[in-house]
Amino acid sequence: MNDYTIIRGGLSYGWISPEKSKLYSHGPETRVMYRNYIDDGTFMNLTSFTGWKFQTKSQWMGNLELVYNEDRLRDSLEISADRLYIVPGQYGALSFRGNLSTPMSNPFYLEFMTEAGQFYDGKRLSMRFQPTWNISRHLELGGTYNFDHVSVKKRDLSMTNHILGIKALYMFNTLLSVNAFIQYNTDYSGIITNLRIRYNPREGNDLYLVFNEDRNTDLYRELPVLPVYNSRAVMVKYTYTFNL
């Protein structure tokens, strides 16, 4: 989304469970986001989340939500090139979302998210798995798997997309660390790579060396033939914090 103003608000309430309960806390919550187009101030989007969140005494966390979206598209929205697009118009969609996380204090933990329901003038099913493994005080490995399926029966359109990602963090010591992330998108037919080296000699001082690459894996999916790389960049960033 581009060129919009937004108002956000939220309200939540929680209870601390009795000593014998397996739950630590739980309660309702609601969040709302309202967007307008900047150029003429007209309505763009309204999203509301209403549900119940919880945390167990063994540190499992999760929430269940009912999600409502109201969208006014002034232009066509391309979800997947040559496979799925949304025509201009006003749409209302209702869906269900759930999140669950195993205890993050464990060396290995897993985060899971799913959403199912209406999507513009069609239907959608999405799932995401994010495992993380803290192998040692120096090394952390993680992964991401996203599954998305959208179908619009009345226009005979559909798409299924998979996103696979792996990440790694290596801490040489408290001063020097290396962070890497690689992601493959089946619909985009591309591999995105990010490598970041951070040097932190003292609090408030950081030096970053960053390498980014966006590589096409199917050069012939469009004409003219696509380049091997959409972009490649090396960046250096230094931050220094001081008091006046």
C-alpha atoms as a PDB file:
ATOM      1  CA  MET A   1       0.000   0.000   0.000  1.00  0.00           C
ATOM      2  CA  ASN A   2       1.220   3.476  -0.887  1.00  0.00           C
ATOM      3  CA  ASP A   3       0.119   7.082  -0.298  1.00  0.00           C
ATOM      4  CA  TYR A   4      -2.299   6.665   2.584  1.00  0.00           C
ATOM      5  CA  THR A   5      -2.994   7.987   6.065  1.00  0.00           C
ATOM      6  CA  ILE A   6      -3.793   5.567   8.873  1.00  0.00           C
ATOM      7  CA  ILE A   7      -5.478   5.611  12.281  1.00  0.00           C
ATOM      8  CA  ARG A   8      -4.890   2.661  14.604  1.00  0.00           C
ATOM      9  CA  GLY A   9      -6.451   1.676  17.892  1.00  0.00           C
ATOM     10  CA  GLY A  10      -6.626  -1.304  20.186  1.00  0.00           C
ATOM     11  CA  LEU A  11      -8.162  -2.522  23.415  1.00  0.00           C
ATOM     12  CA  SER A  12      -7.368  -5.620  25.450  1.00  0.00           C
ATOM     13  CA  TYR A  13      -8.201  -7.063  28.851  1.00  0.00           C
ATOM     14  CA  GLY A  14      -6.635  -9.969  30.689  1.00  0.00           C
ATOM     15  CA  TRP A  15      -7.138 -12.273  33.644  1.00  0.00           C
ATOM     16  CA  ILE A  16      -4.444 -13.961  35.706  1.00  0.00           C
ATOM     17  CA  SER A  17      -5.515 -17.578  36.182  1.00  0.00           C
ATOM     18  CA  PRO A  18      -5.786 -19.394  39.548  1.00  0.00           C
ATOM     19  CA  GLU A  19      -2.770 -21.282  40.875  1.00  0.00           C
ATOM     20  CA  LYS A  20      -4.108 -24.708  39.872  1.00  0.00           C
ATOM     21  CA  SER A  21      -4.891 -23.674  36.286  1.00  0.00           C
ATOM     22  CA  LYS A  22      -2.570 -24.570  33.427  1.00  0.00           C
ATOM     23  CA  LEU A  23      -3.206 -21.108  31.986  1.00  0.00           C
ATOM     24  CA  TYR A  24      -1.106 -18.170  33.184  1.00  0.00           C
ATOM     25  CA  SER A  25      -3.234 -15.442  31.591  1.00  0.00           C
ATOM     26  CA  HIS A  26      -5.959 -15.007  28.974  1.00  0.00           C
ATOM     27  CA  GLY A  27      -8.406 -12.421  27.736  1.00  0.00           C
ATOM     28  CA  PRO A  28     -10.100 -10.650  24.814  1.00  0.00           C
ATOM     29  CA  GLU A  29      -8.503  -8.118  22.504  1.00  0.00           C
ATOM     30  CA  THR A  30      -9.538  -6.024  19.528  1.00  0.00           C
ATOM     31  CA  ARG A  31      -7.520  -3.911  17.081  1.00  0.00           C
ATOM     32  CA  VAL A  32      -8.661  -1.599  14.294  1.00  0.00           C
ATOM     33  CA  MET A  33      -6.828   0.078  11.389  1.00  0.00           C
ATOM     34  CA  TYR A  34      -8.509   2.684   9.180  1.00  0.00           C
ATOM     35  CA  ARG A  35      -6.813   4.046   6.022  1.00  0.00           C
ATOM     36  CA  ASN A  36      -7.651   6.900   3.619  1.00  0.00           C
ATOM     37  CA  TYR A  37      -6.082   7.788   0.263  1.00  0.00           C
ATOM     38  CA  ILE A  38      -3.856  10.823   0.683  1.00  0.00           C
ATOM     39  CA  ASP A  39      -4.672  12.570  -2.621  1.00  0.00           C
ATOM     40  CA  ASP A  40      -8.427  13.011  -2.086  1.00  0.00           C
ATOM     41  CA  GLY A  41      -8.995  11.786   1.482  1.00  0.00           C
ATOM     42  CA  THR A  42     -11.468   9.069   0.459  1.00  0.00           C
ATOM     43  CA  PHE A  43     -11.815   5.682   2.126  1.00  0.00           C
ATOM     44  CA  MET A  44      -9.183   3.061   1.318  1.00  0.00           C
ATOM     45  CA  ASN A  45      -9.319   0.228   3.860  1.00  0.00           C
ATOM     46  CA  LEU A  46     -10.705  -0.853   7.221  1.00  0.00           C
ATOM     47  CA  THR A  47      -9.297  -3.878   9.052  1.00  0.00           C
ATOM     48  CA  SER A  48     -10.464  -5.154  12.427  1.00  0.00           C
ATOM     49  CA  PHE A  49      -9.175  -8.058  14.537  1.00  0.00           C
ATOM     50  CA  THR A  50     -11.313  -9.390  17.385  1.00  0.00           C
ATOM     51  CA  GLY A  51     -10.339 -12.440  19.374  1.00  0.00           C
ATOM     52  CA  TRP A  52      -8.926 -14.143  22.436  1.00  0.00           C
ATOM     53  CA  LYS A  53      -5.283 -14.465  23.486  1.00  0.00           C
ATOM     54  CA  PHE A  54      -3.713 -16.780  26.047  1.00  0.00           C
ATOM     55  CA  GLN A  55      -0.442 -17.832  27.655  1.00  0.00           C
ATOM     56  CA  THR A  56       0.104 -21.033  29.607  1.00  0.00           C
ATOM     57  CA  LYS A  57       2.336 -21.472  32.638  1.00  0.00           C
ATOM     58  CA  SER A  58       4.620 -23.626  30.481  1.00  0.00           C
ATOM     59  CA  GLN A  59       4.995 -20.558  28.160  1.00  0.00           C
ATOM     60  CA  TRP A  60       2.868 -21.674  25.235  1.00  0.00           C
ATOM     61  CA  MET A  61       1.259 -18.616  23.639  1.00  0.00           C
ATOM     62  CA  GLY A  62      -1.499 -18.168  21.086  1.00  0.00           C
ATOM     63  CA  ASN A  63      -4.583 -16.329  19.967  1.00  0.00           C
ATOM     64  CA  LEU A  64      -7.721 -16.861  17.890  1.00  0.00           C
ATOM     65  CA  GLU A  65      -9.130 -13.959  15.880  1.00  0.00           C
ATOM     66  CA  LEU A  66     -12.001 -13.043  13.618  1.00  0.00           C
ATOM     67  CA  VAL A  67     -10.676 -10.677  10.921  1.00  0.00           C
ATOM     68  CA  TYR A  68     -12.828  -8.297   8.900  1.00  0.00           C
ATOM     69  CA  ASN A  69     -11.483  -6.365   5.886  1.00  0.00           C
ATOM     70  CA  GLU A  70     -13.285  -3.652   3.937  1.00  0.00           C
ATOM     71  CA  ASP A  71     -11.316  -2.509   0.869  1.00  0.00           C
ATOM     72  CA  ARG A  72     -11.955   0.021  -1.894  1.00  0.00           C
ATOM     73  CA  LEU A  73      -9.619  -0.589  -4.831  1.00  0.00           C
ATOM     74  CA  ARG A  74      -9.304   2.245  -7.313  1.00  0.00           C
ATOM     75  CA  ASP A  75      -6.921   0.268  -9.543  1.00  0.00           C
ATOM     76  CA  SER A  76      -6.471  -3.393 -10.404  1.00  0.00           C
ATOM     77  CA  LEU A  77      -4.447  -5.329  -7.832  1.00  0.00           C
ATOM     78  CA  GLU A  78      -2.092  -7.969  -9.233  1.00  0.00           C
ATOM     79  CA  ILE A  79      -1.632 -10.829  -6.759  1.00  0.00           C
ATOM     80  CA  SER A  80       0.213 -13.150  -9.154  1.00  0.00           C
ATOM     81  CA  ALA A  81       1.436 -12.243 -12.648  1.00  0.00           C
ATOM     82  CA  ASP A  82      -0.804 -13.796 -15.365  1.00  0.00           C
ATOM     83  CA  ARG A  83      -2.632 -15.915 -12.756  1.00  0.00           C
ATOM     84  CA  LEU A  84      -4.586 -13.826 -10.270  1.00  0.00           C
ATOM     85  CA  TYR A  85      -5.699 -10.195 -10.161  1.00  0.00           C
ATOM     86  CA  ILE A  86      -8.427  -8.246  -8.374  1.00  0.00           C
ATOM     87  CA  VAL A  87     -10.570  -5.792 -10.347  1.00  0.00           C
ATOM     88  CA  PRO A  88     -11.324  -2.298  -8.974  1.00  0.00           C
ATOM     89  CA  GLY A  89     -14.305  -2.073  -6.635  1.00  0.00           C
ATOM     90  CA  GLN A  90     -15.338  -2.288  -2.984  1.00  0.00           C
ATOM     91  CA  TYR A  91     -14.985  -5.586  -1.146  1.00  0.00           C
ATOM     92  CA  GLY A  92     -15.849  -6.932   2.289  1.00  0.00           C
ATOM     93  CA  ALA A  93     -14.163 -10.099   3.560  1.00  0.00           C
ATOM     94  CA  LEU A  94     -14.407 -12.122   6.755  1.00  0.00           C
ATOM     95  CA  SER A  95     -11.757 -14.641   7.786  1.00  0.00           C
ATOM     96  CA  PHE A  96     -10.473 -16.626  10.751  1.00  0.00           C
ATOM     97  CA  ARG A  97      -6.878 -16.408  12.002  1.00  0.00           C
ATOM     98  CA  GLY A  98      -5.024 -18.479  14.567  1.00  0.00           C
ATOM     99  CA  ASN A  99      -1.498 -18.260  16.027  1.00  0.00           C
ATOM    100  CA  LEU A 100       0.340 -20.703  18.260  1.00  0.00           C
ATOM    101  CA  SER A 101       3.874 -20.624  19.646  1.00  0.00           C
ATOM    102  CA  THR A 102       5.698 -23.279  21.655  1.00  0.00           C
ATOM    103  CA  PRO A 103       7.859 -22.074  24.607  1.00  0.00           C
ATOM    104  CA  MET A 104      10.532 -19.695  23.290  1.00  0.00           C
ATOM    105  CA  SER A 105      12.727 -20.423  26.326  1.00  0.00           C
ATOM    106  CA  ASN A 106      13.439 -23.887  24.894  1.00  0.00           C
ATOM    107  CA  PRO A 107      16.424 -24.464  22.575  1.00  0.00           C
ATOM    108  CA  PHE A 108      13.943 -25.404  19.819  1.00  0.00           C
ATOM    109  CA  TYR A 109      10.598 -23.675  19.363  1.00  0.00           C
ATOM    110  CA  LEU A 110       7.974 -23.389  16.635  1.00  0.00           C
ATOM    111  CA  GLU A 111       5.581 -20.613  15.616  1.00  0.00           C
ATOM    112  CA  PHE A 112       2.494 -21.485  13.558  1.00  0.00           C
ATOM    113  CA  MET A 113      -0.081 -19.227  11.891  1.00  0.00           C
ATOM    114  CA  THR A 114      -3.100 -20.000   9.745  1.00  0.00           C
ATOM    115  CA  GLU A 115      -5.817 -17.890   8.115  1.00  0.00           C
ATOM    116  CA  ALA A 116      -8.840 -19.042   6.134  1.00  0.00           C
ATOM    117  CA  GLY A 117     -11.901 -17.306   4.740  1.00  0.00           C
ATOM    118  CA  GLN A 118     -12.974 -14.709   2.207  1.00  0.00           C
ATOM    119  CA  PHE A 119     -10.407 -12.801   0.141  1.00  0.00           C
ATOM    120  CA  TYR A 120     -11.785  -9.953  -2.015  1.00  0.00           C
ATOM    121  CA  ASP A 121     -14.187 -11.792  -4.393  1.00  0.00           C
ATOM    122  CA  GLY A 122     -12.678 -15.216  -3.680  1.00  0.00           C
ATOM    123  CA  LYS A 123     -11.453 -17.459  -0.870  1.00  0.00           C
ATOM    124  CA  ARG A 124      -8.061 -17.936   0.749  1.00  0.00           C
ATOM    125  CA  LEU A 125      -6.172 -20.484   2.844  1.00  0.00           C
ATOM    126  CA  SER A 126      -2.782 -19.551   4.295  1.00  0.00           C
ATOM    127  CA  MET A 127      -0.365 -21.286   6.673  1.00  0.00           C
ATOM    128  CA  ARG A 128       3.046 -20.354   8.031  1.00  0.00           C
ATOM    129  CA  PHE A 129       5.561 -22.432  10.002  1.00  0.00           C
ATOM    130  CA  GLN A 130       8.615 -20.812  11.617  1.00  0.00           C
ATOM    131  CA  PRO A 131      10.952 -23.178  13.514  1.00  0.00           C
ATOM    132  CA  THR A 132      13.947 -21.793  15.417  1.00  0.00           C
ATOM    133  CA  TRP A 133      16.803 -23.803  16.932  1.00  0.00           C
ATOM    134  CA  ASN A 134      19.315 -22.279  19.352  1.00  0.00           C
ATOM    135  CA  ILE A 135      22.142 -24.781  18.899  1.00  0.00           C
ATOM    136  CA  SER A 136      24.587 -23.008  21.191  1.00  0.00           C
ATOM    137  CA  ARG A 137      25.273 -19.578  22.645  1.00  0.00           C
ATOM    138  CA  HIS A 138      26.993 -18.750  19.336  1.00  0.00           C
ATOM    139  CA  LEU A 139      24.700 -20.268  16.681  1.00  0.00           C
ATOM    140  CA  GLU A 140      20.977 -19.943  15.948  1.00  0.00           C
ATOM    141  CA  LEU A 141      19.263 -21.552  12.936  1.00  0.00           C
ATOM    142  CA  GLY A 142      15.738 -20.958  11.697  1.00  0.00           C
ATOM    143  CA  GLY A 143      13.377 -21.564   8.836  1.00  0.00           C
ATOM    144  CA  THR A 144      10.158 -20.326   7.283  1.00  0.00           C
ATOM    145  CA  TYR A 145       7.541 -22.063   5.198  1.00  0.00           C
ATOM    146  CA  ASN A 146       4.530 -20.159   3.832  1.00  0.00           C
ATOM    147  CA  PHE A 147       1.648 -21.752   1.942  1.00  0.00           C
ATOM    148  CA  ASP A 148      -1.011 -19.625   0.233  1.00  0.00           C
ATOM    149  CA  HIS A 149      -3.916 -20.748  -1.926  1.00  0.00           C
ATOM    150  CA  VAL A 150      -6.444 -18.295  -3.375  1.00  0.00           C
ATOM    151  CA  SER A 151      -9.337 -19.162  -5.685  1.00  0.00           C
ATOM    152  CA  VAL A 152     -11.980 -17.002  -7.381  1.00  0.00           C
ATOM    153  CA  LYS A 153     -14.498 -19.493  -8.812  1.00  0.00           C
ATOM    154  CA  LYS A 154     -16.764 -17.009 -10.562  1.00  0.00           C
ATOM    155  CA  ARG A 155     -13.798 -15.679 -12.570  1.00  0.00           C
ATOM    156  CA  ASP A 156     -12.127 -19.123 -12.853  1.00  0.00           C
ATOM    157  CA  LEU A 157      -8.869 -17.846 -11.358  1.00  0.00           C
ATOM    158  CA  SER A 158      -6.616 -19.404  -8.750  1.00  0.00           C
ATOM    159  CA  MET A 159      -3.047 -19.458  -7.471  1.00  0.00           C
ATOM    160  CA  THR A 160      -0.976 -21.564  -5.102  1.00  0.00           C
ATOM    161  CA  ASN A 161       2.282 -20.203  -3.785  1.00  0.00           C
ATOM    162  CA  HIS A 162       5.052 -21.583  -1.573  1.00  0.00           C
ATOM    163  CA  ILE A 163       7.742 -19.540   0.159  1.00  0.00           C
ATOM    164  CA  LEU A 164      10.746 -21.320   1.680  1.00  0.00           C
ATOM    165  CA  GLY A 165      13.303 -19.523   3.788  1.00  0.00           C
ATOM    166  CA  ILE A 166      16.302 -20.336   5.966  1.00  0.00           C
ATOM    167  CA  LYS A 167      18.133 -18.037   8.355  1.00  0.00           C
ATOM    168  CA  ALA A 168      21.233 -18.242  10.487  1.00  0.00           C
ATOM    169  CA  LEU A 169      22.777 -16.065  13.182  1.00  0.00           C
ATOM    170  CA  TYR A 170      26.346 -16.606  14.366  1.00  0.00           C
ATOM    171  CA  MET A 171      27.707 -14.627  17.311  1.00  0.00           C
ATOM    172  CA  PHE A 172      31.495 -14.689  17.401  1.00  0.00           C
ATOM    173  CA  ASN A 173      31.367 -12.697  20.644  1.00  0.00           C
ATOM    174  CA  THR A 174      29.441  -9.745  22.082  1.00  0.00           C
ATOM    175  CA  LEU A 175      31.047  -7.438  19.512  1.00  0.00           C
ATOM    176  CA  LEU A 176      30.798  -9.281  16.180  1.00  0.00           C
ATOM    177  CA  SER A 177      27.925 -11.206  14.589  1.00  0.00           C
ATOM    178  CA  VAL A 178      26.849 -12.457  11.145  1.00  0.00           C
ATOM    179  CA  ASN A 179      23.213 -12.803  10.086  1.00  0.00           C
ATOM    180  CA  ALA A 180      22.111 -14.529   6.844  1.00  0.00           C
ATOM    181  CA  PHE A 181      18.684 -15.070   5.276  1.00  0.00           C
ATOM    182  CA  ILE A 182      17.771 -16.834   2.001  1.00  0.00           C
ATOM    183  CA  GLN A 183      14.215 -17.053   0.641  1.00  0.00           C
ATOM    184  CA  TYR A 184      12.738 -18.809  -2.398  1.00  0.00           C
ATOM    185  CA  ASN A 185       9.321 -17.836  -3.784  1.00  0.00           C
ATOM    186  CA  THR A 186       7.711 -20.316  -6.222  1.00  0.00           C
ATOM    187  CA  ASP A 187       5.281 -17.789  -7.721  1.00  0.00           C
ATOM    188  CA  TYR A 188       7.927 -15.110  -8.111  1.00  0.00           C
ATOM    189  CA  SER A 189      10.516 -17.684  -9.280  1.00  0.00           C
ATOM    190  CA  GLY A 190      13.195 -15.851  -7.418  1.00  0.00           C
ATOM    191  CA  ILE A 191      15.746 -16.216  -4.631  1.00  0.00           C
ATOM    192  CA  ILE A 192      16.326 -13.302  -2.260  1.00  0.00           C
ATOM    193  CA  THR A 193      19.556 -13.318  -0.247  1.00  0.00           C
ATOM    194  CA  ASN A 194      20.509 -11.031   2.624  1.00  0.00           C
ATOM    195  CA  LEU A 195      23.846 -11.162   4.467  1.00  0.00           C
ATOM    196  CA  ARG A 196      24.603  -8.741   7.294  1.00  0.00           C
ATOM    197  CA  ILE A 197      27.772  -8.375   9.369  1.00  0.00           C
ATOM    198  CA  ARG A 198      27.453  -6.277  12.534  1.00  0.00           C
ATOM    199  CA  TYR A 199      30.307  -4.874  14.598  1.00  0.00           C
ATOM    200  CA  ASN A 200      29.257  -3.352  17.915  1.00  0.00           C
ATOM    201  CA  PRO A 201      32.347  -2.085  19.798  1.00  0.00           C
ATOM    202  CA  ARG A 202      30.208  -0.451  22.507  1.00  0.00           C
ATOM    203  CA  GLU A 203      26.617   0.430  23.262  1.00  0.00           C
ATOM    204  CA  GLY A 204      25.280   3.026  20.797  1.00  0.00           C
ATOM    205  CA  ASN A 205      27.974   2.396  18.156  1.00  0.00           C
ATOM    206  CA  ASP A 206      27.251  -0.009  15.294  1.00  0.00           C
ATOM    207  CA  LEU A 207      28.951  -0.734  11.987  1.00  0.00           C
ATOM    208  CA  TYR A 208      27.014  -2.820   9.426  1.00  0.00           C
ATOM    209  CA  LEU A 209      28.174  -4.375   6.173  1.00  0.00           C
ATOM    210  CA  VAL A 210      25.145  -5.606   4.183  1.00  0.00           C
ATOM    211  CA  PHE A 211      24.869  -7.603   0.949  1.00  0.00           C
ATOM    212  CA  ASN A 212      21.489  -7.979  -0.810  1.00  0.00           C
ATOM    213  CA  GLU A 213      20.732 -10.001  -3.947  1.00  0.00           C
ATOM    214  CA  ASP A 214      17.522 -10.692  -5.898  1.00  0.00           C
ATOM    215  CA  ARG A 215      18.071 -13.531  -8.393  1.00  0.00           C
ATOM    216  CA  ASN A 216      15.654 -14.890 -11.037  1.00  0.00           C
ATOM    217  CA  THR A 217      15.477 -18.695 -11.281  1.00  0.00           C
ATOM    218  CA  ASP A 218      13.232 -18.779 -14.383  1.00  0.00           C
ATOM    219  CA  LEU A 219      14.575 -16.326 -16.940  1.00  0.00           C
ATOM    220  CA  TYR A 220      12.065 -17.349 -19.623  1.00  0.00           C
ATOM    221  CA  ARG A 221       8.804 -16.810 -17.732  1.00  0.00           C
ATOM    222  CA  GLU A 222       8.484 -13.390 -19.408  1.00  0.00           C
ATOM    223  CA  LEU A 223       9.489 -11.825 -22.705  1.00  0.00           C
ATOM    224  CA  PRO A 224      11.933 -10.271 -23.216  1.00  0.00           C
ATOM    225  CA  VAL A 225      14.048 -12.741 -21.255  1.00  0.00           C
ATOM    226  CA  LEU A 226      14.618 -11.633 -17.672  1.00  0.00           C
ATOM    227  CA  PRO A 227      18.087 -10.774 -16.337  1.00  0.00           C
ATOM    228  CA  VAL A 228      19.804 -13.151 -13.935  1.00  0.00           C
ATOM    229  CA  TYR A 229      19.696 -10.495 -11.200  1.00  0.00           C
ATOM    230  CA  ASN A 230      16.943  -7.982 -10.561  1.00  0.00           C
ATOM    231  CA  SER A 231      19.223  -6.218  -8.116  1.00  0.00           C
ATOM    232  CA  ARG A 232      22.502  -6.611  -6.232  1.00  0.00           C
ATOM    233  CA  ALA A 233      23.768  -4.202  -3.603  1.00  0.00           C
ATOM    234  CA  VAL A 234      26.496  -3.812  -1.007  1.00  0.00           C
ATOM    235  CA  MET A 235      25.845  -1.247   1.723  1.00  0.00           C
ATOM    236  CA  VAL A 236      27.815   0.122   4.662  1.00  0.00           C
ATOM    237  CA  LYS A 237      26.004   1.719   7.598  1.00  0.00           C
ATOM    238  CA  TYR A 238      27.463   3.314  10.719  1.00  0.00           C
ATOM    239  CA  THR A 239      25.476   4.598  13.679  1.00  0.00           C
ATOM    240  CA  TYR A 240      26.819   6.672  16.550  1.00  0.00           C
ATOM    241  CA  THR A 241      24.730   7.743  19.518  1.00  0.00           C
ATOM    242  CA  PHE A 242      25.707  10.768  21.568  1.00  0.00           C
ATOM    243  CA  ASN A 243      24.227  13.126  24.134  1.00  0.00           C
ATOM    244  CA  LEU A 244      23.831  16.869  23.668  1.00  0.00           C
END
